[in-house]
Structures are given as C-alpha cells and as structure tokens.
PDB file of N, CA and C in Angstrom:
ATOM      1  N   MET A   1      -0.003 -25.863  14.114  1.00  0.00           N
ATOM      2  CA  MET A   1       0.909 -23.994  13.797  1.00  0.00           C
ATOM      3  C   MET A   1       0.611 -23.955  12.167  1.00  0.00           C
ATOM      4  N   LYS A   2       1.107 -25.113  11.225  1.00  0.00           N
ATOM      5  CA  LYS A   2       0.328 -24.878  10.151  1.00  0.00           C
ATOM      6  C   LYS A   2      -1.191 -24.285   9.726  1.00  0.00           C
ATOM      7  N   ASN A   3      -2.108 -24.388  10.019  1.00  0.00           N
ATOM      8  CA  ASN A   3      -3.012 -23.774  10.079  1.00  0.00           C
ATOM      9  C   ASN A   3      -3.352 -22.619  11.021  1.00  0.00           C
ATOM     10  N   PHE A   4      -2.698 -22.168  11.664  1.00  0.00           N
ATOM     11  CA  PHE A   4      -2.238 -20.961  12.131  1.00  0.00           C
ATOM     12  C   PHE A   4      -1.495 -19.769  10.999  1.00  0.00           C
ATOM     13  N   LEU A   5      -0.301 -20.423  10.458  1.00  0.00           N
ATOM     14  CA  LEU A   5       0.172 -19.556   9.339  1.00  0.00           C
ATOM     15  C   LEU A   5      -0.692 -19.622   8.285  1.00  0.00           C
ATOM     16  N   ILE A   6      -1.078 -20.333   7.731  1.00  0.00           N
ATOM     17  CA  ILE A   6      -2.707 -20.258   6.882  1.00  0.00           C
ATOM     18  C   ILE A   6      -3.504 -19.081   6.749  1.00  0.00           C
ATOM     19  N   ILE A   7      -4.200 -19.333   8.003  1.00  0.00           N
ATOM     20  CA  ILE A   7      -4.805 -18.166   8.398  1.00  0.00           C
ATOM     21  C   ILE A   7      -4.593 -16.702   8.691  1.00  0.00           C
ATOM     22  N   PHE A   8      -2.813 -16.705   9.469  1.00  0.00           N
ATOM     23  CA  PHE A   8      -2.008 -15.457   9.329  1.00  0.00           C
ATOM     24  C   PHE A   8      -2.079 -14.920   7.825  1.00  0.00           C
ATOM     25  N   LEU A   9      -1.549 -15.861   6.983  1.00  0.00           N
ATOM     26  CA  LEU A   9      -1.379 -15.279   5.388  1.00  0.00           C
ATOM     27  C   LEU A   9      -2.956 -14.794   4.530  1.00  0.00           C
ATOM     28  N   VAL A  10      -3.545 -15.918   5.081  1.00  0.00           N
ATOM     29  CA  VAL A  10      -4.910 -15.091   4.749  1.00  0.00           C
ATOM     30  C   VAL A  10      -5.694 -13.848   5.203  1.00  0.00           C
ATOM     31  N   LEU A  11      -5.157 -13.536   6.595  1.00  0.00           N
ATOM     32  CA  LEU A  11      -5.639 -12.234   6.910  1.00  0.00           C
ATOM     33  C   LEU A  11      -5.043 -10.893   6.698  1.00  0.00           C
ATOM     34  N   LEU A  12      -3.822 -11.830   6.334  1.00  0.00           N
ATOM     35  CA  LEU A  12      -2.388 -10.205   5.774  1.00  0.00           C
ATOM     36  C   LEU A  12      -3.117  -9.884   4.352  1.00  0.00           C
ATOM     37  N   ILE A  13      -3.338 -10.807   3.383  1.00  0.00           N
ATOM     38  CA  ILE A  13      -3.667 -10.484   2.080  1.00  0.00           C
ATOM     39  C   ILE A  13      -5.051  -9.862   2.220  1.00  0.00           C
ATOM     40  N   ILE A  14      -6.049 -10.171   2.932  1.00  0.00           N
ATOM     41  CA  ILE A  14      -7.380  -9.398   3.310  1.00  0.00           C
ATOM     42  C   ILE A  14      -7.037  -8.159   3.475  1.00  0.00           C
ATOM     43  N   SER A  15      -5.886  -8.066   4.670  1.00  0.00           N
ATOM     44  CA  SER A  15      -5.757  -6.555   4.778  1.00  0.00           C
ATOM     45  C   SER A  15      -5.424  -6.005   3.961  1.00  0.00           C
ATOM     46  N   VAL A  16      -4.086  -6.099   3.294  1.00  0.00           N
ATOM     47  CA  VAL A  16      -3.609  -5.690   2.378  1.00  0.00           C
ATOM     48  C   VAL A  16      -4.245  -5.064   1.319  1.00  0.00           C
ATOM     49  N   ALA A  17      -5.360  -6.229   0.638  1.00  0.00           N
ATOM     50  CA  ALA A  17      -6.420  -5.806  -0.230  1.00  0.00           C
ATOM     51  C   ALA A  17      -7.497  -4.587  -0.061  1.00  0.00           C
ATOM     52  N   LEU A  18      -7.916  -4.665   1.364  1.00  0.00           N
ATOM     53  CA  LEU A  18      -8.762  -3.607   1.679  1.00  0.00           C
ATOM     54  C   LEU A  18      -8.061  -2.279   2.032  1.00  0.00           C
ATOM     55  N   TRP A  19      -6.487  -2.569   2.441  1.00  0.00           N
ATOM     56  CA  TRP A  19      -6.333  -0.779   2.480  1.00  0.00           C
ATOM     57  C   TRP A  19      -5.560  -0.514   1.075  1.00  0.00           C
ATOM     58  N   TYR A  20      -5.384  -1.264   0.163  1.00  0.00           N
ATOM     59  CA  TYR A  20      -5.456  -1.082  -1.473  1.00  0.00           C
ATOM     60  C   TYR A  20      -6.383  -0.721  -2.075  1.00  0.00           C
ATOM     61  N   PHE A  21      -7.307  -1.018  -2.129  1.00  0.00           N
ATOM     62  CA  PHE A  21      -8.676  -0.241  -2.346  1.00  0.00           C
ATOM     63  C   PHE A  21      -9.475   0.677  -1.389  1.00  0.00           C
ATOM     64  N   PHE A  22      -9.517   0.906  -0.766  1.00  0.00           N
ATOM     65  CA  PHE A  22     -10.092   1.594   0.502  1.00  0.00           C
ATOM     66  C   PHE A  22      -9.629   2.828   1.146  1.00  0.00           C
ATOM     67  N   LEU A  23      -8.335   2.497   1.342  1.00  0.00           N
ATOM     68  CA  LEU A  23      -7.848   3.536   1.989  1.00  0.00           C
ATOM     69  C   LEU A  23      -6.177   4.569   1.365  1.00  0.00           C
ATOM     70  N   ARG A  24      -5.672   3.853   0.631  1.00  0.00           N
ATOM     71  CA  ARG A  24      -4.779   4.717  -0.199  1.00  0.00           C
ATOM     72  C   ARG A  24      -5.696   5.662  -1.131  1.00  0.00           C
ATOM     73  N   LYS A  25      -4.847   6.547  -1.443  1.00  0.00           N
ATOM     74  CA  LYS A  25      -5.172   7.945  -1.862  1.00  0.00           C
ATOM     75  C   LYS A  25      -4.491   7.444  -3.303  1.00  0.00           C
ATOM     76  N   SER A  26      -5.229   7.684  -4.470  1.00  0.00           N
ATOM     77  CA  SER A  26      -5.135   7.930  -5.773  1.00  0.00           C
ATOM     78  C   SER A  26      -3.779   8.957  -6.265  1.00  0.00           C
ATOM     79  N   ALA A  27      -3.538   8.666  -7.235  1.00  0.00           N
ATOM     80  CA  ALA A  27      -2.546  10.201  -7.948  1.00  0.00           C
ATOM     81  C   ALA A  27      -3.053  11.428  -8.308  1.00  0.00           C
ATOM     82  N   LYS A  28      -4.471  10.928  -8.616  1.00  0.00           N
ATOM     83  CA  LYS A  28      -5.505  11.985  -8.743  1.00  0.00           C
ATOM     84  C   LYS A  28      -5.754  12.596  -7.521  1.00  0.00           C
ATOM     85  N   GLU A  29      -5.925  11.533  -6.416  1.00  0.00           N
ATOM     86  CA  GLU A  29      -6.728  12.565  -4.990  1.00  0.00           C
ATOM     87  C   GLU A  29      -5.283  13.572  -4.735  1.00  0.00           C
ATOM     88  N   LYS A  30      -4.150  13.039  -4.827  1.00  0.00           N
ATOM     89  CA  LYS A  30      -3.011  13.693  -4.397  1.00  0.00           C
ATOM     90  C   LYS A  30      -2.805  14.745  -5.143  1.00  0.00           C
ATOM     91  N   GLY A  31      -3.062  14.531  -6.552  1.00  0.00           N
ATOM     92  CA  GLY A  31      -2.493  16.253  -7.398  1.00  0.00           C
ATOM     93  C   GLY A  31      -3.774  16.980  -6.569  1.00  0.00           C
ATOM     94  N   ILE A  32      -5.091  16.583  -6.782  1.00  0.00           N
ATOM     95  CA  ILE A  32      -6.175  17.595  -6.111  1.00  0.00           C
ATOM     96  C   ILE A  32      -5.839  18.071  -5.169  1.00  0.00           C
ATOM     97  N   ASP A  33      -5.572  17.237  -3.996  1.00  0.00           N
ATOM     98  CA  ASP A  33      -5.143  17.723  -2.843  1.00  0.00           C
ATOM     99  C   ASP A  33      -4.134  18.798  -2.649  1.00  0.00           C
ATOM    100  N   TYR A  34      -3.090  18.712  -3.796  1.00  0.00           N
ATOM    101  CA  TYR A  34      -1.748  19.778  -3.708  1.00  0.00           C
ATOM    102  C   TYR A  34      -2.147  21.006  -4.284  1.00  0.00           C
ATOM    103  N   LEU A  35      -2.967  20.685  -5.184  1.00  0.00           N
ATOM    104  CA  LEU A  35      -3.465  22.044  -6.143  1.00  0.00           C
ATOM    105  C   LEU A  35      -4.696  22.736  -5.358  1.00  0.00           C
ATOM    106  N   ILE A  36      -5.478  22.279  -4.252  1.00  0.00           N
ATOM    107  CA  ILE A  36      -6.285  22.715  -3.689  1.00  0.00           C
ATOM    108  C   ILE A  36      -5.281  23.493  -2.146  1.00  0.00           C
ATOM    109  N   GLU A  37      -4.349  22.703  -1.722  1.00  0.00           N
ATOM    110  CA  GLU A  37      -3.637  23.069  -0.501  1.00  0.00           C
ATOM    111  C   GLU A  37      -2.876  24.234  -0.931  1.00  0.00           C
ATOM    112  N   HIS A  38      -2.035  24.321  -2.256  1.00  0.00           N
ATOM    113  CA  HIS A  38      -1.086  25.576  -2.125  1.00  0.00           C
ATOM    114  C   HIS A  38      -1.873  25.961  -3.177  1.00  0.00           C
ATOM    115  N   GLN A  39      -3.664  26.844  -3.480  1.00  0.00           N
ATOM    116  CA  GLN A  39      -4.115  27.447  -3.903  1.00  0.00           C
ATOM    117  C   GLN A  39      -3.674  27.861  -5.408  1.00  0.00           C
ATOM    118  N   PHE A  40      -3.624  26.532  -6.384  1.00  0.00           N
ATOM    119  CA  PHE A  40      -3.664  26.774  -7.941  1.00  0.00           C
ATOM    120  C   PHE A  40      -5.155  26.642  -8.532  1.00  0.00           C
ATOM    121  N   THR A  41      -5.827  26.823  -7.434  1.00  0.00           N
ATOM    122  CA  THR A  41      -7.357  26.153  -8.100  1.00  0.00           C
ATOM    123  C   THR A  41      -8.242  27.073  -7.157  1.00  0.00           C
ATOM    124  N   ASP A  42      -9.443  27.393  -7.388  1.00  0.00           N
ATOM    125  CA  ASP A  42     -10.489  27.881  -6.736  1.00  0.00           C
ATOM    126  C   ASP A  42     -11.830  26.822  -6.404  1.00  0.00           C
ATOM    127  N   GLY A  43     -11.646  26.025  -7.457  1.00  0.00           N
ATOM    128  CA  GLY A  43     -12.322  24.700  -7.478  1.00  0.00           C
ATOM    129  C   GLY A  43     -12.240  23.616  -6.222  1.00  0.00           C
ATOM    130  N   THR A  44     -13.513  23.115  -5.906  1.00  0.00           N
ATOM    131  CA  THR A  44     -13.806  22.419  -4.447  1.00  0.00           C
ATOM    132  C   THR A  44     -13.256  20.791  -4.988  1.00  0.00           C
ATOM    133  N   LYS A  45     -12.586  20.342  -4.608  1.00  0.00           N
ATOM    134  CA  LYS A  45     -12.227  18.888  -4.248  1.00  0.00           C
ATOM    135  C   LYS A  45     -13.654  18.102  -5.273  1.00  0.00           C
ATOM    136  N   GLU A  46     -14.843  18.614  -5.120  1.00  0.00           N
ATOM    137  CA  GLU A  46     -15.549  17.732  -5.703  1.00  0.00           C
ATOM    138  C   GLU A  46     -15.586  17.890  -7.419  1.00  0.00           C
ATOM    139  N   LYS A  47     -15.368  19.026  -7.874  1.00  0.00           N
ATOM    140  CA  LYS A  47     -15.603  19.452  -8.998  1.00  0.00           C
ATOM    141  C   LYS A  47     -14.257  19.607  -9.814  1.00  0.00           C
ATOM    142  N   LEU A  48     -13.188  19.084  -9.249  1.00  0.00           N
ATOM    143  CA  LEU A  48     -11.771  18.823  -9.659  1.00  0.00           C
ATOM    144  C   LEU A  48     -11.905  17.284  -9.450  1.00  0.00           C
ATOM    145  N   MET A  49     -12.933  16.608  -9.047  1.00  0.00           N
ATOM    146  CA  MET A  49     -12.560  14.616  -9.296  1.00  0.00           C
ATOM    147  C   MET A  49     -13.592  14.697 -10.611  1.00  0.00           C
ATOM    148  N   THR A  50     -14.044  15.397 -11.313  1.00  0.00           N
ATOM    149  CA  THR A  50     -14.613  15.518 -13.078  1.00  0.00           C
ATOM    150  C   THR A  50     -13.594  15.383 -13.919  1.00  0.00           C
ATOM    151  N   PHE A  51     -12.655  16.077 -13.439  1.00  0.00           N
ATOM    152  CA  PHE A  51     -11.780  16.334 -14.572  1.00  0.00           C
ATOM    153  C   PHE A  51     -10.821  15.462 -14.802  1.00  0.00           C
ATOM    154  N   GLY A  52      -9.869  15.139 -15.765  1.00  0.00           N
ATOM    155  CA  GLY A  52      -9.342  13.825 -16.323  1.00  0.00           C
ATOM    156  C   GLY A  52      -7.955  13.127 -15.445  1.00  0.00           C
ATOM    157  N   GLU A  53      -7.820  12.034 -15.576  1.00  0.00           N
ATOM    158  CA  GLU A  53      -6.634  11.658 -14.567  1.00  0.00           C
ATOM    159  C   GLU A  53      -5.010  12.543 -14.924  1.00  0.00           C
ATOM    160  N   ASP A  54      -5.246  12.269 -16.142  1.00  0.00           N
ATOM    161  CA  ASP A  54      -4.044  12.592 -16.985  1.00  0.00           C
ATOM    162  C   ASP A  54      -3.804  14.345 -16.712  1.00  0.00           C
ATOM    163  N   TYR A  55      -4.655  15.061 -16.918  1.00  0.00           N
ATOM    164  CA  TYR A  55      -4.905  16.670 -17.074  1.00  0.00           C
ATOM    165  C   TYR A  55      -4.650  16.783 -15.130  1.00  0.00           C
ATOM    166  N   LEU A  56      -5.118  16.147 -14.324  1.00  0.00           N
ATOM    167  CA  LEU A  56      -4.852  16.830 -13.277  1.00  0.00           C
ATOM    168  C   LEU A  56      -3.575  16.056 -12.307  1.00  0.00           C
ATOM    169  N   ILE A  57      -2.954  14.807 -13.012  1.00  0.00           N
ATOM    170  CA  ILE A  57      -1.433  14.721 -12.496  1.00  0.00           C
ATOM    171  C   ILE A  57      -0.933  16.065 -13.229  1.00  0.00           C
ATOM    172  N   ALA A  58      -0.655  16.149 -14.665  1.00  0.00           N
ATOM    173  CA  ALA A  58       0.405  17.200 -15.171  1.00  0.00           C
ATOM    174  C   ALA A  58       0.138  18.660 -14.617  1.00  0.00           C
ATOM    175  N   TRP A  59      -1.210  18.863 -14.095  1.00  0.00           N
ATOM    176  CA  TRP A  59      -1.371  20.222 -13.648  1.00  0.00           C
ATOM    177  C   TRP A  59      -0.467  20.146 -12.224  1.00  0.00           C
ATOM    178  N   ALA A  60      -0.912  19.154 -11.389  1.00  0.00           N
ATOM    179  CA  ALA A  60      -0.079  18.983 -10.048  1.00  0.00           C
ATOM    180  C   ALA A  60       1.569  18.480 -10.164  1.00  0.00           C
ATOM    181  N   ALA A  61       1.890  17.991 -11.054  1.00  0.00           N
ATOM    182  CA  ALA A  61       3.308  18.073 -11.027  1.00  0.00           C
ATOM    183  C   ALA A  61       3.900  19.137 -11.903  1.00  0.00           C
ATOM    184  N   ALA A  62       3.335  20.199 -12.600  1.00  0.00           N
ATOM    185  CA  ALA A  62       3.721  21.430 -12.977  1.00  0.00           C
ATOM    186  C   ALA A  62       4.004  22.191 -11.645  1.00  0.00           C
ATOM    187  N   ALA A  63       2.565  22.297 -10.918  1.00  0.00           N
ATOM    188  CA  ALA A  63       2.600  23.040  -9.672  1.00  0.00           C
ATOM    189  C   ALA A  63       3.940  22.687  -8.970  1.00  0.00           C
ATOM    190  N   LYS A  64       4.369  21.773  -8.586  1.00  0.00           N
ATOM    191  CA  LYS A  64       5.090  21.022  -7.653  1.00  0.00           C
ATOM    192  C   LYS A  64       6.528  21.690  -8.034  1.00  0.00           C
ATOM    193  N   ASN A  65       7.029  21.806  -9.689  1.00  0.00           N
ATOM    194  CA  ASN A  65       8.005  22.215 -10.321  1.00  0.00           C
ATOM    195  C   ASN A  65       8.163  23.368 -10.340  1.00  0.00           C
ATOM    196  N   LYS A  66       7.157  24.208  -9.669  1.00  0.00           N
ATOM    197  CA  LYS A  66       6.700  25.763 -10.080  1.00  0.00           C
ATOM    198  C   LYS A  66       7.222  25.777 -11.251  1.00  0.00           C
ATOM    199  N   ASN A  67       6.489  25.724 -12.386  1.00  0.00           N
ATOM    200  CA  ASN A  67       6.211  25.934 -13.630  1.00  0.00           C
ATOM    201  C   ASN A  67       5.492  26.781 -13.909  1.00  0.00           C
ATOM    202  N   SER A  68       5.064  27.899 -14.676  1.00  0.00           N
ATOM    203  CA  SER A  68       4.015  29.006 -14.815  1.00  0.00           C
ATOM    204  C   SER A  68       3.360  28.192 -16.025  1.00  0.00           C
ATOM    205  N   GLU A  69       3.694  27.313 -16.854  1.00  0.00           N
ATOM    206  CA  GLU A  69       2.786  26.391 -17.852  1.00  0.00           C
ATOM    207  C   GLU A  69       2.957  24.572 -17.845  1.00  0.00           C
ATOM    208  N   PHE A  70       1.771  24.250 -18.205  1.00  0.00           N
ATOM    209  CA  PHE A  70       1.522  22.594 -18.430  1.00  0.00           C
ATOM    210  C   PHE A  70       1.366  22.386 -19.910  1.00  0.00           C
ATOM    211  N   GLU A  71       2.158  21.093 -20.381  1.00  0.00           N
ATOM    212  CA  GLU A  71       1.409  20.810 -21.433  1.00  0.00           C
ATOM    213  C   GLU A  71       1.030  19.053 -21.322  1.00  0.00           C
ATOM    214  N   LEU A  72      -0.379  19.413 -22.100  1.00  0.00           N
ATOM    215  CA  LEU A  72      -0.878  17.779 -22.191  1.00  0.00           C
ATOM    216  C   LEU A  72      -1.436  18.121 -23.389  1.00  0.00           C
ATOM    217  N   ASN A  73      -0.927  16.487 -24.060  1.00  0.00           N
ATOM    218  CA  ASN A  73      -1.390  16.306 -25.236  1.00  0.00           C
ATOM    219  C   ASN A  73      -1.359  17.532 -26.387  1.00  0.00           C
ATOM    220  N   GLY A  74      -0.153  17.992 -26.675  1.00  0.00           N
ATOM    221  CA  GLY A  74      -0.069  19.642 -27.428  1.00  0.00           C
ATOM    222  C   GLY A  74      -0.578  20.724 -27.176  1.00  0.00           C
ATOM    223  N   LYS A  75      -1.320  20.889 -25.855  1.00  0.00           N
ATOM    224  CA  LYS A  75      -2.006  22.098 -25.620  1.00  0.00           C
ATOM    225  C   LYS A  75      -1.379  22.302 -24.513  1.00  0.00           C
ATOM    226  N   PHE A  76      -0.826  23.569 -24.416  1.00  0.00           N
ATOM    227  CA  PHE A  76      -0.754  24.152 -23.327  1.00  0.00           C
ATOM    228  C   PHE A  76      -1.512  24.986 -22.367  1.00  0.00           C
ATOM    229  N   TYR A  77      -2.119  25.088 -20.689  1.00  0.00           N
ATOM    230  CA  TYR A  77      -2.202  25.331 -19.881  1.00  0.00           C
ATOM    231  C   TYR A  77      -1.998  26.143 -18.824  1.00  0.00           C
ATOM    232  N   MET A  78      -2.317  26.854 -18.112  1.00  0.00           N
ATOM    233  CA  MET A  78      -1.719  28.122 -17.311  1.00  0.00           C
ATOM    234  C   MET A  78      -1.453  27.428 -15.763  1.00  0.00           C
ATOM    235  N   THR A  79      -0.419  27.282 -15.238  1.00  0.00           N
ATOM    236  CA  THR A  79      -0.728  26.307 -13.731  1.00  0.00           C
ATOM    237  C   THR A  79      -1.664  27.034 -12.808  1.00  0.00           C
ATOM    238  N   GLN A  80      -1.473  28.308 -12.581  1.00  0.00           N
ATOM    239  CA  GLN A  80      -2.607  28.824 -11.889  1.00  0.00           C
ATOM    240  C   GLN A  80      -3.638  29.056 -12.546  1.00  0.00           C
ATOM    241  N   GLY A  81      -4.568  28.462 -11.911  1.00  0.00           N
ATOM    242  CA  GLY A  81      -5.969  28.057 -12.392  1.00  0.00           C
ATOM    243  C   GLY A  81      -6.735  27.248 -13.375  1.00  0.00           C
ATOM    244  N   GLY A  82      -5.319  26.293 -13.951  1.00  0.00           N
ATOM    245  CA  GLY A  82      -5.684  25.260 -15.448  1.00  0.00           C
ATOM    246  C   GLY A  82      -6.103  25.913 -16.175  1.00  0.00           C
ATOM    247  N   THR A  83      -6.351  27.175 -16.790  1.00  0.00           N
ATOM    248  CA  THR A  83      -6.989  27.387 -17.846  1.00  0.00           C
ATOM    249  C   THR A  83      -5.969  27.551 -19.010  1.00  0.00           C
ATOM    250  N   ALA A  84      -6.607  27.279 -20.226  1.00  0.00           N
ATOM    251  CA  ALA A  84      -5.913  27.161 -21.341  1.00  0.00           C
ATOM    252  C   ALA A  84      -4.944  28.472 -22.132  1.00  0.00           C
ATOM    253  N   VAL A  85      -3.963  28.173 -22.638  1.00  0.00           N
ATOM    254  CA  VAL A  85      -3.050  29.467 -22.767  1.00  0.00           C
ATOM    255  C   VAL A  85      -3.502  29.625 -24.485  1.00  0.00           C
ATOM    256  N   LYS A  86      -3.942  30.673 -24.526  1.00  0.00           N
ATOM    257  CA  LYS A  86      -4.763  30.874 -26.119  1.00  0.00           C
ATOM    258  C   LYS A  86      -3.363  31.552 -26.773  1.00  0.00           C
TER     259      LYS A  86
END
C-alpha cells in the first residue's frame, strides 16, 4: 500500500509538471489570442510572439477594458493596431 501511494504521488507530480510546461498557455499567448480574435491587430501569431511580453499584456488588458489607448513605460499606444501615439 505504501509503495502504491509513493508511485501515485510521483506520477501526479510528473503529470502536473508536464501540464505546466507544455499544455498551459502563458499570459503572452492568451493576450495574443485575444487581440487576434477580437481584431485589434492584423498581425499573425508568429509575428506577435516576437513582441515583448509586457507590451502584449498591456495591449490585451486595454483591449479587454475597451480603452482606446494604453500606456507602457511612459509611452502611449493605440489599442486598435498597437501603434505609438505621436
């Protein structure tokens, strides 16, 4: 019985670790999916993956909150398209 419990716990830990590293989406991927799904960008997922994580998370948060602009590190960007405000 004790061996069964140890084997079960080891398999459970391995399963959780595999899920964590391979199956869950990062905040960056969730933000990209939201921006593409709601047509805030014309870019592809591969192109958006090259952008910084902080930028994408701020952009997606502004889009979800229906803000027309978002700010990151003192610079403002348009929510629609993600371009810098001049």
